[in-house]
Structure formats: structure tokens, C-alpha cells
Protein backbone atom coordinates (compact mmCIF):
# COMPACT_ATOMS: atom_id res chain seq x y z
CA MET A 1 4.39 22.19 6.50
CA THR A 2 2.47 19.21 4.92
CA ASN A 3 1.86 15.41 6.19
CA ARG A 4 0.88 12.36 4.30
CA ILE A 5 -0.68 9.72 6.49
CA LEU A 6 -2.71 7.35 6.68
CA VAL A 7 -6.02 6.74 8.75
CA THR A 8 -8.37 3.58 9.09
CA PRO A 9 -11.77 4.30 8.26
CA ALA A 10 -13.08 3.45 11.81
CA ARG A 11 -10.80 6.93 13.22
CA LEU A 12 -11.59 9.32 10.71
CA GLU A 13 -14.62 10.51 12.37
CA ARG A 14 -12.62 10.58 15.67
CA TRP A 15 -9.59 12.41 13.43
CA SER A 16 -12.13 14.94 11.59
CA THR A 17 -13.39 16.29 15.28
CA ASN A 18 -9.41 16.28 16.48
CA PHE A 19 -8.62 18.29 13.46
CA LEU A 20 -11.78 20.89 13.97
CA ALA A 21 -10.46 21.30 17.96
CA SER A 22 -7.20 22.18 16.67
CA HIS A 23 -7.82 24.42 13.82
CA GLY A 24 -11.31 25.87 14.07
CA ALA A 25 -14.46 25.65 12.10
CA THR A 26 -13.82 23.22 9.28
CA ALA A 27 -15.72 23.45 5.62
CA LEU A 28 -16.13 20.39 3.66
CA HIS A 29 -15.78 19.77 0.16
CA THR A 30 -15.84 16.71 -2.68
CA VAL A 31 -12.88 18.15 -4.61
CA ASP A 32 -11.36 16.28 -7.85
CA GLY A 33 -12.29 12.91 -6.35
CA GLY A 34 -11.43 13.36 -2.98
CA LEU A 35 -12.83 15.03 0.01
CA VAL A 36 -11.40 18.08 1.15
CA GLY A 37 -11.41 20.18 4.16
CA PHE A 38 -10.73 24.14 4.80
CA ALA A 39 -10.06 25.05 8.18
CA GLN A 40 -10.65 28.84 9.68
CA ASP A 41 -6.98 28.72 10.21
CA GLY A 42 -5.97 28.44 6.89
CA SER A 43 -5.12 24.73 7.36
CA TYR A 44 -6.56 21.97 5.40
CA PHE A 45 -6.46 18.25 4.36
CA GLU A 46 -7.28 16.26 1.40
CA ALA A 47 -8.95 12.51 2.08
CA ARG A 48 -8.61 9.48 -0.71
CA LEU A 49 -10.09 6.66 -0.69
CA PRO A 50 -8.19 3.40 -0.54
CA PHE A 51 -7.78 0.85 -3.50
CA GLY A 52 -7.36 4.00 -5.72
CA ARG A 53 -10.92 4.91 -5.56
CA SER A 54 -12.77 8.24 -6.32
CA TYR A 55 -15.33 9.80 -4.25
CA ASP A 56 -18.00 11.86 -5.56
CA GLY A 57 -20.55 11.70 -2.82
CA PRO A 58 -21.91 13.98 -0.46
CA SER A 59 -19.65 16.33 1.53
CA ARG A 60 -19.85 14.97 4.88
CA THR A 61 -17.14 12.30 6.53
CA GLU A 62 -19.95 9.86 7.59
CA ASP A 63 -20.35 9.02 3.62
CA PHE A 64 -16.81 9.13 3.14
CA VAL A 65 -15.97 6.31 5.95
CA ALA A 66 -19.17 4.45 4.42
CA ALA A 67 -17.29 4.83 1.21
CA CYS A 68 -14.47 3.39 2.25
CA THR A 69 -15.65 -0.60 2.43
CA PRO A 70 -12.91 -2.82 1.14
CA PRO A 71 -13.78 -4.78 -1.87
CA ASP A 72 -15.20 -8.61 -1.39
CA ASP A 73 -12.33 -10.10 -3.17
CA TRP A 74 -8.93 -8.56 -3.27
CA GLY A 75 -5.21 -9.39 -3.22
CA ILE A 76 -2.36 -8.22 -1.47
CA VAL A 77 1.66 -8.92 -3.05
CA LEU A 78 4.64 -7.50 -1.00
CA VAL A 79 8.17 -7.83 -2.34
CA ARG A 80 11.40 -6.48 -0.32
CA LYS A 81 15.12 -8.45 0.30
CA GLY A 82 14.40 -11.34 -0.92
CA GLY A 83 11.23 -11.53 1.31
CA PHE A 84 7.60 -11.85 -0.23
CA ALA A 85 4.04 -11.91 1.12
CA VAL A 86 1.02 -12.46 -0.76
CA ALA A 87 -2.33 -13.11 0.53
CA ARG A 88 -6.15 -13.25 -1.01
CA ILE A 89 -8.54 -11.46 1.03
CA GLY A 90 -12.18 -10.87 1.54
CA GLY A 91 -13.23 -7.53 2.49
CA ASP A 92 -11.00 -7.60 5.67
CA ARG A 93 -10.61 -11.21 6.37
CA ILE A 94 -7.33 -12.97 4.82
CA VAL A 95 -8.65 -15.77 2.84
CA GLN A 96 -5.40 -17.31 1.89
CA SER A 97 -1.80 -16.07 2.42
CA LYS A 98 2.13 -17.28 1.75
CA VAL A 99 4.80 -15.87 3.41
CA GLY A 100 8.50 -16.55 2.33
CA GLN A 101 12.13 -15.47 2.15
CA ARG A 102 14.90 -16.05 -0.03
CA HIS A 103 18.41 -15.50 0.38
CA VAL A 104 19.91 -12.24 -1.40
CA GLN A 105 23.34 -11.77 -0.44
CA GLY A 106 23.96 -8.39 0.70
CA ARG A 107 26.50 -5.51 -1.35
CA THR A 108 29.87 -5.96 -1.40
CA LYS A 109 33.25 -3.59 -1.16
CA ALA A 110 35.62 -5.79 -3.40
CA GLY A 111 36.33 -4.28 -6.86
CA GLY A 112 37.53 -6.02 -9.71
CA TRP A 113 36.56 -9.02 -10.66
CA SER A 114 35.52 -10.12 -7.04
CA GLN A 115 33.04 -7.23 -7.12
CA GLN A 116 31.40 -8.17 -10.99
CA ARG A 117 31.04 -11.92 -9.82
CA PHE A 118 29.63 -10.77 -6.34
CA ALA A 119 27.34 -8.70 -8.76
CA ARG A 120 25.74 -11.42 -11.00
CA ARG A 121 25.40 -13.93 -7.86
CA ARG A 122 23.56 -11.55 -6.25
CA ALA A 123 21.35 -10.24 -9.20
CA ASN A 124 20.78 -14.32 -9.63
CA GLN A 125 19.56 -14.67 -6.07
CA ALA A 126 17.14 -11.56 -6.85
CA GLU A 127 15.85 -13.19 -9.78
CA ALA A 128 15.16 -16.35 -7.97
CA ALA A 129 13.53 -14.57 -5.16
CA TYR A 130 11.24 -12.88 -7.65
CA GLU A 131 10.46 -15.63 -9.37
CA ALA A 132 9.36 -17.76 -5.98
CA ALA A 133 7.15 -14.44 -5.31
CA ALA A 134 6.09 -14.84 -8.77
CA HIS A 135 5.22 -18.58 -8.24
CA HIS A 136 2.92 -17.80 -4.77
CA ALA A 137 1.30 -14.86 -6.37
CA THR A 138 0.13 -16.38 -9.54
CA ARG A 139 -1.30 -19.54 -7.79
CA ILE A 140 -3.33 -17.32 -4.55
CA VAL A 141 -3.66 -14.10 -6.19
CA ALA A 142 -3.61 -13.81 -10.21
CA ASP A 143 -7.22 -14.04 -10.64
CA ALA A 144 -8.10 -11.27 -7.82
CA PRO A 145 -9.88 -8.35 -9.40
CA VAL A 146 -8.28 -5.81 -7.19
CA ILE A 147 -4.35 -6.00 -6.57
CA VAL A 148 -2.77 -3.82 -3.68
CA THR A 149 1.39 -4.17 -3.69
CA GLY A 150 4.36 -3.09 -1.28
CA GLY A 151 7.74 -2.66 -0.87
CA ASP A 152 10.38 -2.18 -2.81
CA ARG A 153 9.51 -0.74 -6.27
CA ALA A 154 12.00 -2.97 -8.53
CA GLY A 155 11.07 -6.11 -7.49
CA VAL A 156 7.18 -5.61 -6.73
CA ASP A 157 7.74 -4.47 -10.86
CA ARG A 158 9.44 -7.99 -11.59
CA VAL A 159 6.98 -9.59 -9.69
CA VAL A 160 3.87 -8.21 -11.35
CA GLU A 161 5.72 -8.31 -15.20
CA LEU A 162 6.38 -12.30 -14.46
CA CYS A 163 2.84 -12.78 -13.29
CA ARG A 164 0.99 -10.57 -16.02
CA PHE A 165 -1.54 -8.87 -13.54
CA ALA A 166 -0.45 -4.84 -13.78
CA ASP A 167 -3.80 -4.24 -15.19
CA ARG A 168 -5.12 -4.93 -12.18
CA VAL A 169 -2.85 -3.16 -9.54
CA VAL A 170 -4.71 0.29 -7.96
CA ALA A 171 -2.56 0.89 -5.38
CA HIS A 172 1.10 0.58 -4.39
CA LEU A 173 2.44 0.85 -0.99
CA PRO A 174 6.17 2.19 -0.61
CA GLU A 175 6.68 1.99 3.41
CA VAL A 176 7.20 -1.18 3.94
CA GLY A 177 9.39 -3.19 5.64
CA GLU A 178 11.04 -6.79 4.89
CA PRO A 179 7.48 -8.87 5.00
CA ARG A 180 7.38 -10.78 7.94
CA ARG A 181 3.72 -11.79 9.23
CA GLY A 182 3.34 -8.64 11.31
CA VAL A 183 4.42 -6.28 8.59
CA PHE A 184 2.35 -8.20 6.17
CA GLU A 185 -0.87 -8.10 8.43
CA ASN A 186 -0.07 -4.46 9.08
CA SER A 187 0.07 -3.65 5.31
CA VAL A 188 -3.42 -5.30 4.79
CA VAL A 189 -4.35 -2.27 7.34
CA ASP A 190 -2.84 -0.23 5.41
CA ALA A 191 -4.12 -0.76 2.02
CA CYS A 192 -7.68 -0.70 3.59
CA SER A 193 -6.79 3.19 5.37
CA VAL A 194 -7.51 6.44 4.21
CA LYS A 195 -4.76 8.37 2.36
CA MET A 196 -4.56 11.96 4.16
CA THR A 197 -2.65 15.19 2.97
CA VAL A 198 -2.53 17.87 5.58
CA THR A 199 -1.34 21.13 5.12
CA ASN A 200 -1.06 23.00 8.40
CA ALA A 201 -1.07 26.73 8.43
């Protein structure tokens, strides 16, 4: 069985110790830009650095953790259900942010002309929400050298298109709820976390 999880760099060494305790002696190797651990019982994991980086350092957990340091200057843009959150971040410190919400009508079960009218209204409301998110993204993160996105893929793609910074987007967080303040802060932590793929024998 394969699981995909996020582990903060501060917890990675303890996580590795627990993996060893559960699966036996584990050999570490640097493979294709990631750190891979092969356990005695046939289980294995692959760790990937945050921010789309490739790892080519020593096959040691402590060296991998050292390579997880977040950029000195980066941005995050979250979009979902008319809500958005945008922030400029220095390392792990939020420098400037904006969280907002625009009404987007829910889907309707009505048929015929009514359904078409509601669909047009909903599309117009969604576009207005994307434009609002793009306005603040342009103001706060447009010149950030590294950008992480999250949330609804279609909404994120539209905001990125409006802002024209697709070339600086290095990662996308799909599992993001409606971007209220708590979700936004958790997403910043997730963006800085190690992407783990764990396969149990």
C-alpha cells in the first residue's frame, strides 16, 4: 500500500527513526533528485524537497533536512470557491498577506433557460472572484522569484494566467480547503514540508 504525506523538516529525523523501528534496518540512497530509504522488510519511502527542488547531496537525513530551508523571498496564492489568500513570505515569516472572499452562486437543479441563466451568472461571479484574487496577487507576489499555488486547479490556472507568472510557479497544493486564515497558515507550513511517498510491504 502506498501513502503520500507531508512531513515538516523539523519532524523528518524523528519520522525516519520511527520508520526504522517499524520496518527494520533502512539503507538511504540519493536517487533521481530525492532521498530514498529501502527497509529490511521490503518497505521503502521517497522524500522530495519542498519548492520543487532537486536533492543531490549525501544520503543522510540530516543533510536532506538542511536542504529544506525555504527561500528568502517567495509567495503563495490559494484559490477556491470564490475565496482567495495571497502572501509574500520571507523564509517562514509572512511579510504581507491578503485573505478575501467573493460570492459565487452554487449550482442549481433548475432546467432550461433558468439553468442557463444561473450558469452564466455563476461563471460571471467566478470570473469576478478570479480577477479580485489576481489583483491582490499582482500587488503582493507578482515579482516574487518563487511562487506556490493551491486549491482549485481551474481557479488557480485562471489567476496565474491573469497575473502572468506561470514561469515562477514551482509547486501546487491540491488539498486546500476554502482559504480562510487558518487554512492559509496551514498551507504555508505545507508548502515548506517534505513530500513523502511511503510504500509498505
